[in-house]
Amino acid sequence: MTNDQYTFDNPKTRYDAITPPVQHQDEPGLDSRLDPRPDLGEQSYRGTGRLSGRKALITGADSGIGAAVAIAFAREGADVALSYLPSEQSDAERIAELIDAEGRTAALLPGDASVGEECRRVVDEAAMALGGLDILVNNAGKQVYCEKLEDLSDDAFDATMRTNVYAMFWLTKAALKYLPAGSSIINTTSVQAYKPSPILVDYATTKAAINTFTKALGAQLAERGIRVNAVAPGPVWTTLQVTDGQPDEKISEFGHDTPIGRAGQPAEMAPAFVFLASPESSYVIGETLNANGGIPTP
């Protein structure tokens, strides 16, 4: 795939309907070990200066959707602070090299987003490294399937809540002291908020919470000139799927049941985040932008 995001073509065949081999990684997984490798926009995303001079903090920025957004933001002219788990360092360094190649600043900030103190530290260090902050992307997420509620432990439920919901709260609260009018906060939710899978009860619950948090905070911060929105991806090929996000036997058919007939690629999510971060969406507040291959949502 070498066409950029402005190329006019058939979205159904823009990417292959991948049939990945059975594979498994321990959490949090590495993008470099995925088979096939997802398209993060390394060769395909073309920037047009839409975020020139902006300063963004992105969580989960080492791989998947977060990495694709980091590449896109840099090519649109933004400096980017990358938040990720320490075990994901090698993936994060690769994304930082791509950002550096665009002549933009890449700040590497390893840490655990499920810990409040770590979230606050990452925000302060991002603002220091970039000389300010005006975009926050709350993207880091945890998804581990569980067939029966009786088997979902308190610790597992709490870990999903802390990573997906509490981290968003901690990061956003800490960032507000830096965000001027014109800033943008973008949260990553999911089609699971609308069409929850029976084996993803805790994950789907967090994604519905993210939608509501986005709408309520968007209304609250509107008078300050800070916009809050969300992107709701459908099935997208990332490390989340092979680190117990899905049963191993379902990996080969991942995304085939969407109306478009295939899973999405991270590079296809990035333009939605660019739009919500840019002044083009100045009248868009509290919106959840669905990018899910045609799955009906309310």
C-alpha atoms as a PDB file:
ATOM      1  CA  MET A   1       0.000   0.000   0.000  1.00  0.00           C
ATOM      2  CA  THR A   2       1.709   3.191  -1.192  1.00  0.00           C
ATOM      3  CA  ASN A   3      -1.247   5.438  -2.028  1.00  0.00           C
ATOM      4  CA  ASP A   4      -1.711   8.300   0.430  1.00  0.00           C
ATOM      5  CA  GLN A   5      -4.929   9.079   2.300  1.00  0.00           C
ATOM      6  CA  TYR A   6      -6.080  11.428  -0.466  1.00  0.00           C
ATOM      7  CA  THR A   7      -6.009   8.763  -3.184  1.00  0.00           C
ATOM      8  CA  PHE A   8      -9.465   8.049  -4.613  1.00  0.00           C
ATOM      9  CA  ASP A   9     -10.088   4.310  -4.644  1.00  0.00           C
ATOM     10  CA  ASN A  10     -12.439   1.569  -3.481  1.00  0.00           C
ATOM     11  CA  PRO A  11     -12.281   1.427   0.353  1.00  0.00           C
ATOM     12  CA  LYS A  12     -13.268  -2.240   0.297  1.00  0.00           C
ATOM     13  CA  THR A  13     -10.114  -3.168  -1.586  1.00  0.00           C
ATOM     14  CA  ARG A  14      -7.821  -0.425  -0.309  1.00  0.00           C
ATOM     15  CA  TYR A  15      -6.391  -3.043   2.014  1.00  0.00           C
ATOM     16  CA  ASP A  16      -6.560  -6.828   1.857  1.00  0.00           C
ATOM     17  CA  ALA A  17      -8.942  -8.734   4.116  1.00  0.00           C
ATOM     18  CA  ILE A  18      -6.086 -10.185   6.104  1.00  0.00           C
ATOM     19  CA  THR A  19      -6.164 -13.756   7.426  1.00  0.00           C
ATOM     20  CA  PRO A  20      -3.437 -13.657  10.078  1.00  0.00           C
ATOM     21  CA  PRO A  21      -1.864 -16.914  11.209  1.00  0.00           C
ATOM     22  CA  VAL A  22      -2.585 -18.043  14.748  1.00  0.00           C
ATOM     23  CA  GLN A  23      -0.251 -16.069  16.988  1.00  0.00           C
ATOM     24  CA  HIS A  24      -0.027 -14.947  20.574  1.00  0.00           C
ATOM     25  CA  GLN A  25       2.000 -12.399  22.507  1.00  0.00           C
ATOM     26  CA  ASP A  26       2.151 -11.619  26.193  1.00  0.00           C
ATOM     27  CA  GLU A  27       0.772  -8.217  27.128  1.00  0.00           C
ATOM     28  CA  PRO A  28       1.366  -5.552  26.036  1.00  0.00           C
ATOM     29  CA  GLY A  29       2.868  -7.012  22.860  1.00  0.00           C
ATOM     30  CA  LEU A  30       5.117  -5.526  20.205  1.00  0.00           C
ATOM     31  CA  ASP A  31       4.053  -4.192  16.836  1.00  0.00           C
ATOM     32  CA  SER A  32       7.342  -5.433  15.393  1.00  0.00           C
ATOM     33  CA  ARG A  33       6.267  -9.036  16.069  1.00  0.00           C
ATOM     34  CA  LEU A  34       2.802  -8.849  14.477  1.00  0.00           C
ATOM     35  CA  ASP A  35       2.178 -10.986  11.380  1.00  0.00           C
ATOM     36  CA  PRO A  36       1.257  -9.328   9.088  1.00  0.00           C
ATOM     37  CA  ARG A  37       2.630  -5.967  10.118  1.00  0.00           C
ATOM     38  CA  PRO A  38      -0.079  -3.289  10.311  1.00  0.00           C
ATOM     39  CA  ASP A  39       0.076  -0.148   8.194  1.00  0.00           C
ATOM     40  CA  LEU A  40       0.822   2.783  10.508  1.00  0.00           C
ATOM     41  CA  GLY A  41       1.071   5.203   7.623  1.00  0.00           C
ATOM     42  CA  GLU A  42       4.852   5.028   7.451  1.00  0.00           C
ATOM     43  CA  GLN A  43       4.774   5.101   3.647  1.00  0.00           C
ATOM     44  CA  SER A  44       1.225   6.265   3.027  1.00  0.00           C
ATOM     45  CA  TYR A  45       0.378   9.263   5.226  1.00  0.00           C
ATOM     46  CA  ARG A  46       0.944  12.644   3.554  1.00  0.00           C
ATOM     47  CA  GLY A  47       0.874  15.773   5.676  1.00  0.00           C
ATOM     48  CA  THR A  48      -0.338  19.195   4.590  1.00  0.00           C
ATOM     49  CA  GLY A  49       0.632  21.377   7.572  1.00  0.00           C
ATOM     50  CA  ARG A  50      -2.727  21.138   9.347  1.00  0.00           C
ATOM     51  CA  LEU A  51      -1.125  20.969  12.824  1.00  0.00           C
ATOM     52  CA  SER A  52       1.851  23.233  12.259  1.00  0.00           C
ATOM     53  CA  GLY A  53       3.461  24.267  15.546  1.00  0.00           C
ATOM     54  CA  ARG A  54       1.154  22.172  17.733  1.00  0.00           C
ATOM     55  CA  LYS A  55       2.342  20.142  20.744  1.00  0.00           C
ATOM     56  CA  ALA A  56       0.711  16.773  21.368  1.00  0.00           C
ATOM     57  CA  LEU A  57       0.845  14.074  24.027  1.00  0.00           C
ATOM     58  CA  ILE A  58      -0.362  10.659  22.820  1.00  0.00           C
ATOM     59  CA  THR A  59      -0.719   7.638  25.094  1.00  0.00           C
ATOM     60  CA  GLY A  60      -0.208   4.170  23.686  1.00  0.00           C
ATOM     61  CA  ALA A  61       1.869   5.857  21.006  1.00  0.00           C
ATOM     62  CA  ASP A  62       4.364   3.073  20.423  1.00  0.00           C
ATOM     63  CA  SER A  63       2.152   0.925  18.198  1.00  0.00           C
ATOM     64  CA  GLY A  64      -1.254   0.535  16.583  1.00  0.00           C
ATOM     65  CA  ILE A  65      -3.596   3.495  16.416  1.00  0.00           C
ATOM     66  CA  GLY A  66      -1.494   5.623  18.752  1.00  0.00           C
ATOM     67  CA  ALA A  67       1.598   5.176  16.600  1.00  0.00           C
ATOM     68  CA  ALA A  68      -0.326   5.962  13.408  1.00  0.00           C
ATOM     69  CA  VAL A  69      -1.673   9.140  15.012  1.00  0.00           C
ATOM     70  CA  ALA A  70       1.832  10.127  16.146  1.00  0.00           C
ATOM     71  CA  ILE A  71       3.191   9.736  12.609  1.00  0.00           C
ATOM     72  CA  ALA A  72       0.293  11.682  11.126  1.00  0.00           C
ATOM     73  CA  PHE A  73       0.569  14.492  13.672  1.00  0.00           C
ATOM     74  CA  ALA A  74       4.296  14.867  13.004  1.00  0.00           C
ATOM     75  CA  ARG A  75       3.740  14.985   9.242  1.00  0.00           C
ATOM     76  CA  GLU A  76       1.098  17.640   9.828  1.00  0.00           C
ATOM     77  CA  GLY A  77       3.702  19.744  11.669  1.00  0.00           C
ATOM     78  CA  ALA A  78       3.249  18.850  15.346  1.00  0.00           C
ATOM     79  CA  ASP A  79       5.826  17.934  17.961  1.00  0.00           C
ATOM     80  CA  VAL A  80       4.827  14.740  19.770  1.00  0.00           C
ATOM     81  CA  ALA A  81       5.373  13.240  23.223  1.00  0.00           C
ATOM     82  CA  LEU A  82       5.005   9.453  23.144  1.00  0.00           C
ATOM     83  CA  SER A  83       3.625   7.707  26.239  1.00  0.00           C
ATOM     84  CA  TYR A  84       3.959   3.904  26.404  1.00  0.00           C
ATOM     85  CA  LEU A  85       4.879   1.027  28.723  1.00  0.00           C
ATOM     86  CA  PRO A  86       8.626   0.492  29.334  1.00  0.00           C
ATOM     87  CA  SER A  87       8.491  -2.960  27.701  1.00  0.00           C
ATOM     88  CA  GLU A  88       7.376  -1.275  24.464  1.00  0.00           C
ATOM     89  CA  GLN A  89      10.559   0.812  24.183  1.00  0.00           C
ATOM     90  CA  SER A  90      11.753  -0.700  20.902  1.00  0.00           C
ATOM     91  CA  ASP A  91       8.470   0.063  19.136  1.00  0.00           C
ATOM     92  CA  ALA A  92       8.432   3.587  20.576  1.00  0.00           C
ATOM     93  CA  GLU A  93      11.973   4.280  19.388  1.00  0.00           C
ATOM     94  CA  ARG A  94      10.995   3.333  15.836  1.00  0.00           C
ATOM     95  CA  ILE A  95       8.095   5.791  15.878  1.00  0.00           C
ATOM     96  CA  ALA A  96      10.342   8.487  17.353  1.00  0.00           C
ATOM     97  CA  GLU A  97      12.763   7.999  14.452  1.00  0.00           C
ATOM     98  CA  LEU A  98       9.933   8.571  11.974  1.00  0.00           C
ATOM     99  CA  ILE A  99       8.938  11.747  13.809  1.00  0.00           C
ATOM    100  CA  ASP A 100      12.550  12.953  13.867  1.00  0.00           C
ATOM    101  CA  ALA A 101      12.728  12.361  10.114  1.00  0.00           C
ATOM    102  CA  GLU A 102       9.973  14.947   9.690  1.00  0.00           C
ATOM    103  CA  GLY A 103      12.050  17.531  11.554  1.00  0.00           C
ATOM    104  CA  ARG A 104       9.723  17.439  14.550  1.00  0.00           C
ATOM    105  CA  THR A 105      10.483  16.813  18.222  1.00  0.00           C
ATOM    106  CA  ALA A 106       9.735  13.347  19.605  1.00  0.00           C
ATOM    107  CA  ALA A 107       9.781  12.976  23.400  1.00  0.00           C
ATOM    108  CA  LEU A 108       9.964   9.395  24.691  1.00  0.00           C
ATOM    109  CA  LEU A 109       8.071   9.043  27.993  1.00  0.00           C
ATOM    110  CA  PRO A 110       7.793   5.450  29.257  1.00  0.00           C
ATOM    111  CA  GLY A 111       5.426   4.848  32.147  1.00  0.00           C
ATOM    112  CA  ASP A 112       2.378   2.942  33.353  1.00  0.00           C
ATOM    113  CA  ALA A 113      -0.860   4.800  32.553  1.00  0.00           C
ATOM    114  CA  SER A 114      -2.782   2.681  35.057  1.00  0.00           C
ATOM    115  CA  VAL A 115      -1.021   4.542  37.888  1.00  0.00           C
ATOM    116  CA  GLY A 116      -2.170   8.064  38.710  1.00  0.00           C
ATOM    117  CA  GLU A 117       1.254   9.365  39.709  1.00  0.00           C
ATOM    118  CA  GLU A 118       2.709   8.121  36.440  1.00  0.00           C
ATOM    119  CA  CYS A 119       0.003   9.897  34.428  1.00  0.00           C
ATOM    120  CA  ARG A 120       0.670  13.190  36.164  1.00  0.00           C
ATOM    121  CA  ARG A 121       4.430  12.800  35.677  1.00  0.00           C
ATOM    122  CA  VAL A 122       4.039  12.046  31.967  1.00  0.00           C
ATOM    123  CA  VAL A 123       1.903  15.143  31.423  1.00  0.00           C
ATOM    124  CA  ASP A 124       4.414  17.407  33.203  1.00  0.00           C
ATOM    125  CA  GLU A 125       7.355  15.895  31.336  1.00  0.00           C
ATOM    126  CA  ALA A 126       5.555  16.176  27.998  1.00  0.00           C
ATOM    127  CA  ALA A 127       4.845  19.871  28.548  1.00  0.00           C
ATOM    128  CA  MET A 128       8.452  20.459  29.587  1.00  0.00           C
ATOM    129  CA  ALA A 129       9.917  18.545  26.634  1.00  0.00           C
ATOM    130  CA  LEU A 130       7.682  20.220  24.047  1.00  0.00           C
ATOM    131  CA  GLY A 131       7.551  23.686  25.584  1.00  0.00           C
ATOM    132  CA  GLY A 132       3.819  23.433  26.207  1.00  0.00           C
ATOM    133  CA  LEU A 133       0.844  21.264  25.342  1.00  0.00           C
ATOM    134  CA  ASP A 134      -2.249  21.853  23.221  1.00  0.00           C
ATOM    135  CA  ILE A 135      -3.342  18.369  22.106  1.00  0.00           C
ATOM    136  CA  LEU A 136      -3.988  15.378  24.358  1.00  0.00           C
ATOM    137  CA  VAL A 137      -4.850  11.989  22.855  1.00  0.00           C
ATOM    138  CA  ASN A 138      -6.029   9.477  25.452  1.00  0.00           C
ATOM    139  CA  ASN A 139      -5.499   6.310  23.463  1.00  0.00           C
ATOM    140  CA  ALA A 140      -3.810   3.664  25.647  1.00  0.00           C
ATOM    141  CA  GLY A 141      -6.133   0.744  26.273  1.00  0.00           C
ATOM    142  CA  LYS A 142      -6.388  -2.706  27.806  1.00  0.00           C
ATOM    143  CA  GLN A 143      -8.526  -5.485  26.328  1.00  0.00           C
ATOM    144  CA  VAL A 144      -8.487  -9.075  27.575  1.00  0.00           C
ATOM    145  CA  TYR A 145     -11.352 -11.397  26.715  1.00  0.00           C
ATOM    146  CA  CYS A 146     -13.140 -13.477  29.333  1.00  0.00           C
ATOM    147  CA  GLU A 147     -15.773 -16.073  28.471  1.00  0.00           C
ATOM    148  CA  LYS A 148     -17.665 -16.036  31.814  1.00  0.00           C
ATOM    149  CA  LEU A 149     -18.271 -13.213  34.277  1.00  0.00           C
ATOM    150  CA  GLU A 150     -17.537 -15.638  37.115  1.00  0.00           C
ATOM    151  CA  ASP A 151     -14.002 -15.936  35.755  1.00  0.00           C
ATOM    152  CA  LEU A 152     -13.416 -12.167  35.547  1.00  0.00           C
ATOM    153  CA  SER A 153     -11.404 -11.397  38.662  1.00  0.00           C
ATOM    154  CA  ASP A 154     -11.623  -8.184  40.648  1.00  0.00           C
ATOM    155  CA  ASP A 155      -7.995  -7.438  39.779  1.00  0.00           C
ATOM    156  CA  ALA A 156      -8.572  -7.938  36.044  1.00  0.00           C
ATOM    157  CA  PHE A 157     -11.699  -5.771  36.054  1.00  0.00           C
ATOM    158  CA  ASP A 158      -9.863  -3.074  38.013  1.00  0.00           C
ATOM    159  CA  ALA A 159      -6.869  -3.156  35.648  1.00  0.00           C
ATOM    160  CA  THR A 160      -9.106  -2.558  32.630  1.00  0.00           C
ATOM    161  CA  MET A 161     -10.910   0.281  34.384  1.00  0.00           C
ATOM    162  CA  ARG A 162      -7.690   1.938  35.519  1.00  0.00           C
ATOM    163  CA  THR A 163      -6.041   1.742  32.109  1.00  0.00           C
ATOM    164  CA  ASN A 164      -9.046   2.767  30.003  1.00  0.00           C
ATOM    165  CA  VAL A 165     -11.019   5.136  32.244  1.00  0.00           C
ATOM    166  CA  TYR A 166      -8.983   6.276  35.233  1.00  0.00           C
ATOM    167  CA  ALA A 167      -5.944   7.069  33.087  1.00  0.00           C
ATOM    168  CA  MET A 168      -8.092   9.279  30.852  1.00  0.00           C
ATOM    169  CA  PHE A 169      -9.341  11.113  33.956  1.00  0.00           C
ATOM    170  CA  TRP A 170      -5.870  11.481  35.490  1.00  0.00           C
ATOM    171  CA  LEU A 171      -4.182  12.588  32.270  1.00  0.00           C
ATOM    172  CA  THR A 172      -6.883  15.056  31.299  1.00  0.00           C
ATOM    173  CA  LYS A 173      -7.070  16.596  34.759  1.00  0.00           C
ATOM    174  CA  ALA A 174      -3.289  17.008  34.868  1.00  0.00           C
ATOM    175  CA  ALA A 175      -3.152  18.467  31.344  1.00  0.00           C
ATOM    176  CA  LEU A 176      -5.736  21.191  31.915  1.00  0.00           C
ATOM    177  CA  LYS A 177      -3.222  23.512  33.569  1.00  0.00           C
ATOM    178  CA  TYR A 178      -1.251  23.528  30.318  1.00  0.00           C
ATOM    179  CA  LEU A 179      -3.996  23.544  27.680  1.00  0.00           C
ATOM    180  CA  PRO A 180      -4.816  27.010  26.277  1.00  0.00           C
ATOM    181  CA  ALA A 181      -7.933  27.994  24.372  1.00  0.00           C
ATOM    182  CA  GLY A 182      -7.854  26.271  21.003  1.00  0.00           C
ATOM    183  CA  SER A 183      -6.582  23.022  22.481  1.00  0.00           C
ATOM    184  CA  SER A 184      -8.071  19.644  21.657  1.00  0.00           C
ATOM    185  CA  ILE A 185      -8.596  16.515  23.757  1.00  0.00           C
ATOM    186  CA  ILE A 186      -9.325  13.328  21.806  1.00  0.00           C
ATOM    187  CA  ASN A 187     -10.294  10.056  23.462  1.00  0.00           C
ATOM    188  CA  THR A 188     -10.184   6.627  21.832  1.00  0.00           C
ATOM    189  CA  THR A 189     -13.406   4.724  22.424  1.00  0.00           C
ATOM    190  CA  SER A 190     -14.686   1.756  20.349  1.00  0.00           C
ATOM    191  CA  VAL A 191     -17.567   0.207  18.467  1.00  0.00           C
ATOM    192  CA  GLN A 192     -17.715  -1.993  21.582  1.00  0.00           C
ATOM    193  CA  ALA A 193     -19.476   0.892  23.318  1.00  0.00           C
ATOM    194  CA  TYR A 194     -22.449   0.326  20.978  1.00  0.00           C
ATOM    195  CA  LYS A 195     -22.167  -3.339  20.015  1.00  0.00           C
ATOM    196  CA  PRO A 196     -20.469  -5.081  22.943  1.00  0.00           C
ATOM    197  CA  SER A 197     -19.054  -8.567  22.540  1.00  0.00           C
ATOM    198  CA  PRO A 198     -20.178 -11.051  25.217  1.00  0.00           C
ATOM    199  CA  ILE A 199     -16.536 -11.890  25.985  1.00  0.00           C
ATOM    200  CA  LEU A 200     -15.509  -8.230  26.455  1.00  0.00           C
ATOM    201  CA  VAL A 201     -17.845  -7.120  29.245  1.00  0.00           C
ATOM    202  CA  ASP A 202     -15.266  -5.031  31.127  1.00  0.00           C
ATOM    203  CA  TYR A 203     -13.654  -3.541  28.003  1.00  0.00           C
ATOM    204  CA  ALA A 204     -16.997  -2.607  26.433  1.00  0.00           C
ATOM    205  CA  THR A 205     -18.107  -1.009  29.697  1.00  0.00           C
ATOM    206  CA  THR A 206     -15.048   1.231  29.731  1.00  0.00           C
ATOM    207  CA  LYS A 207     -15.631   2.319  26.156  1.00  0.00           C
ATOM    208  CA  ALA A 208     -19.212   3.355  26.912  1.00  0.00           C
ATOM    209  CA  ALA A 209     -17.841   5.329  29.868  1.00  0.00           C
ATOM    210  CA  ILE A 210     -15.350   7.071  27.581  1.00  0.00           C
ATOM    211  CA  ASN A 211     -18.191   8.188  25.300  1.00  0.00           C
ATOM    212  CA  THR A 212     -20.096   9.718  28.209  1.00  0.00           C
ATOM    213  CA  PHE A 213     -16.973  11.304  29.730  1.00  0.00           C
ATOM    214  CA  THR A 214     -16.255  12.883  26.350  1.00  0.00           C
ATOM    215  CA  LYS A 215     -19.705  14.427  26.014  1.00  0.00           C
ATOM    216  CA  ALA A 216     -19.891  15.712  29.576  1.00  0.00           C
ATOM    217  CA  LEU A 217     -16.372  17.154  29.604  1.00  0.00           C
ATOM    218  CA  GLY A 218     -16.862  18.609  26.134  1.00  0.00           C
ATOM    219  CA  ALA A 219     -19.805  20.617  27.425  1.00  0.00           C
ATOM    220  CA  GLN A 220     -17.860  21.667  30.517  1.00  0.00           C
ATOM    221  CA  LEU A 221     -14.726  22.854  28.694  1.00  0.00           C
ATOM    222  CA  ALA A 222     -16.435  24.488  25.725  1.00  0.00           C
ATOM    223  CA  GLU A 223     -16.514  27.892  27.409  1.00  0.00           C
ATOM    224  CA  ARG A 224     -12.755  27.668  27.917  1.00  0.00           C
ATOM    225  CA  GLY A 225     -12.278  27.097  24.186  1.00  0.00           C
ATOM    226  CA  ILE A 226     -11.008  23.546  24.722  1.00  0.00           C
ATOM    227  CA  ARG A 227     -12.695  20.946  22.536  1.00  0.00           C
ATOM    228  CA  VAL A 228     -13.213  17.339  23.673  1.00  0.00           C
ATOM    229  CA  ASN A 229     -14.116  14.627  21.162  1.00  0.00           C
ATOM    230  CA  ALA A 230     -13.624  10.915  20.581  1.00  0.00           C
ATOM    231  CA  VAL A 231     -12.901   8.423  17.817  1.00  0.00           C
ATOM    232  CA  ALA A 232     -14.626   5.026  17.918  1.00  0.00           C
ATOM    233  CA  PRO A 233     -12.699   2.493  15.822  1.00  0.00           C
ATOM    234  CA  GLY A 234     -14.165  -0.804  14.743  1.00  0.00           C
ATOM    235  CA  PRO A 235     -11.964  -3.901  14.453  1.00  0.00           C
ATOM    236  CA  VAL A 236      -8.439  -2.643  13.704  1.00  0.00           C
ATOM    237  CA  TRP A 237      -5.393  -4.884  13.319  1.00  0.00           C
ATOM    238  CA  THR A 238      -3.124  -4.110  16.301  1.00  0.00           C
ATOM    239  CA  THR A 239      -1.250  -5.894  19.077  1.00  0.00           C
ATOM    240  CA  LEU A 240      -4.387  -5.585  21.210  1.00  0.00           C
ATOM    241  CA  GLN A 241      -5.880  -8.520  19.310  1.00  0.00           C
ATOM    242  CA  VAL A 242      -3.028 -11.014  19.832  1.00  0.00           C
ATOM    243  CA  THR A 243      -2.425 -10.270  23.530  1.00  0.00           C
ATOM    244  CA  ASP A 244      -5.625 -12.039  24.608  1.00  0.00           C
ATOM    245  CA  GLY A 245      -7.839  -9.320  23.163  1.00  0.00           C
ATOM    246  CA  GLN A 246      -9.448 -12.084  21.081  1.00  0.00           C
ATOM    247  CA  PRO A 247      -9.372 -15.880  21.357  1.00  0.00           C
ATOM    248  CA  ASP A 248      -6.523 -17.215  19.217  1.00  0.00           C
ATOM    249  CA  GLU A 249      -8.890 -19.180  16.974  1.00  0.00           C
ATOM    250  CA  LYS A 250     -10.726 -15.979  15.961  1.00  0.00           C
ATOM    251  CA  ILE A 251      -7.645 -14.104  14.794  1.00  0.00           C
ATOM    252  CA  SER A 252      -7.672 -15.478  11.222  1.00  0.00           C
ATOM    253  CA  GLU A 253     -11.163 -14.065  10.562  1.00  0.00           C
ATOM    254  CA  PHE A 254     -10.678 -10.818  12.450  1.00  0.00           C
ATOM    255  CA  GLY A 255     -12.758  -8.002  10.937  1.00  0.00           C
ATOM    256  CA  HIS A 256     -14.252 -10.134   8.156  1.00  0.00           C
ATOM    257  CA  ASP A 257     -17.790  -9.644   9.499  1.00  0.00           C
ATOM    258  CA  THR A 258     -17.813  -5.869   8.945  1.00  0.00           C
ATOM    259  CA  PRO A 259     -19.911  -4.518   6.045  1.00  0.00           C
ATOM    260  CA  ILE A 260     -16.687  -3.581   4.283  1.00  0.00           C
ATOM    261  CA  GLY A 261     -15.479  -7.162   4.715  1.00  0.00           C
ATOM    262  CA  ARG A 262     -12.116  -6.540   6.344  1.00  0.00           C
ATOM    263  CA  ALA A 263     -10.369  -5.212   9.429  1.00  0.00           C
ATOM    264  CA  GLY A 264      -9.219  -1.629   9.489  1.00  0.00           C
ATOM    265  CA  GLN A 265      -5.597  -0.541   9.523  1.00  0.00           C
ATOM    266  CA  PRO A 266      -4.220   1.988  12.046  1.00  0.00           C
ATOM    267  CA  ALA A 267      -3.346   4.340   9.182  1.00  0.00           C
ATOM    268  CA  GLU A 268      -7.068   4.572   8.376  1.00  0.00           C
ATOM    269  CA  MET A 269      -7.819   5.879  11.873  1.00  0.00           C
ATOM    270  CA  ALA A 270      -5.216   8.641  11.914  1.00  0.00           C
ATOM    271  CA  PRO A 271      -7.076  11.144   9.661  1.00  0.00           C
ATOM    272  CA  ALA A 272     -10.019  11.179  12.076  1.00  0.00           C
ATOM    273  CA  PHE A 273      -7.708  12.249  14.904  1.00  0.00           C
ATOM    274  CA  VAL A 274      -6.048  14.874  12.695  1.00  0.00           C
ATOM    275  CA  PHE A 275      -9.451  16.334  11.834  1.00  0.00           C
ATOM    276  CA  LEU A 276     -10.515  16.537  15.490  1.00  0.00           C
ATOM    277  CA  ALA A 277      -7.171  18.067  16.501  1.00  0.00           C
ATOM    278  CA  SER A 278      -7.179  20.687  13.740  1.00  0.00           C
ATOM    279  CA  PRO A 279      -9.047  24.019  13.568  1.00  0.00           C
ATOM    280  CA  GLU A 280     -11.176  22.485  10.781  1.00  0.00           C
ATOM    281  CA  SER A 281     -13.319  20.937  13.511  1.00  0.00           C
ATOM    282  CA  SER A 282     -13.704  24.146  15.534  1.00  0.00           C
ATOM    283  CA  TYR A 283     -17.496  23.646  15.884  1.00  0.00           C
ATOM    284  CA  VAL A 284     -17.232  19.936  16.741  1.00  0.00           C
ATOM    285  CA  ILE A 285     -17.506  19.278  20.486  1.00  0.00           C
ATOM    286  CA  GLY A 286     -18.583  16.148  22.364  1.00  0.00           C
ATOM    287  CA  GLU A 287     -18.653  14.139  19.137  1.00  0.00           C
ATOM    288  CA  THR A 288     -17.829  10.453  18.785  1.00  0.00           C
ATOM    289  CA  LEU A 289     -16.557   9.897  15.253  1.00  0.00           C
ATOM    290  CA  ASN A 290     -17.141   6.278  14.218  1.00  0.00           C
ATOM    291  CA  ALA A 291     -14.508   4.685  11.978  1.00  0.00           C
ATOM    292  CA  ASN A 292     -15.703   1.093  11.947  1.00  0.00           C
ATOM    293  CA  GLY A 293     -16.064  -0.214   8.393  1.00  0.00           C
ATOM    294  CA  GLY A 294     -19.805   0.343   8.242  1.00  0.00           C
ATOM    295  CA  ILE A 295     -21.046  -1.250  11.468  1.00  0.00           C
ATOM    296  CA  PRO A 296     -24.329   0.515  12.389  1.00  0.00           C
ATOM    297  CA  THR A 297     -24.204   2.578  15.586  1.00  0.00           C
ATOM    298  CA  PRO A 298     -26.792   4.756  17.358  1.00  0.00           C
END
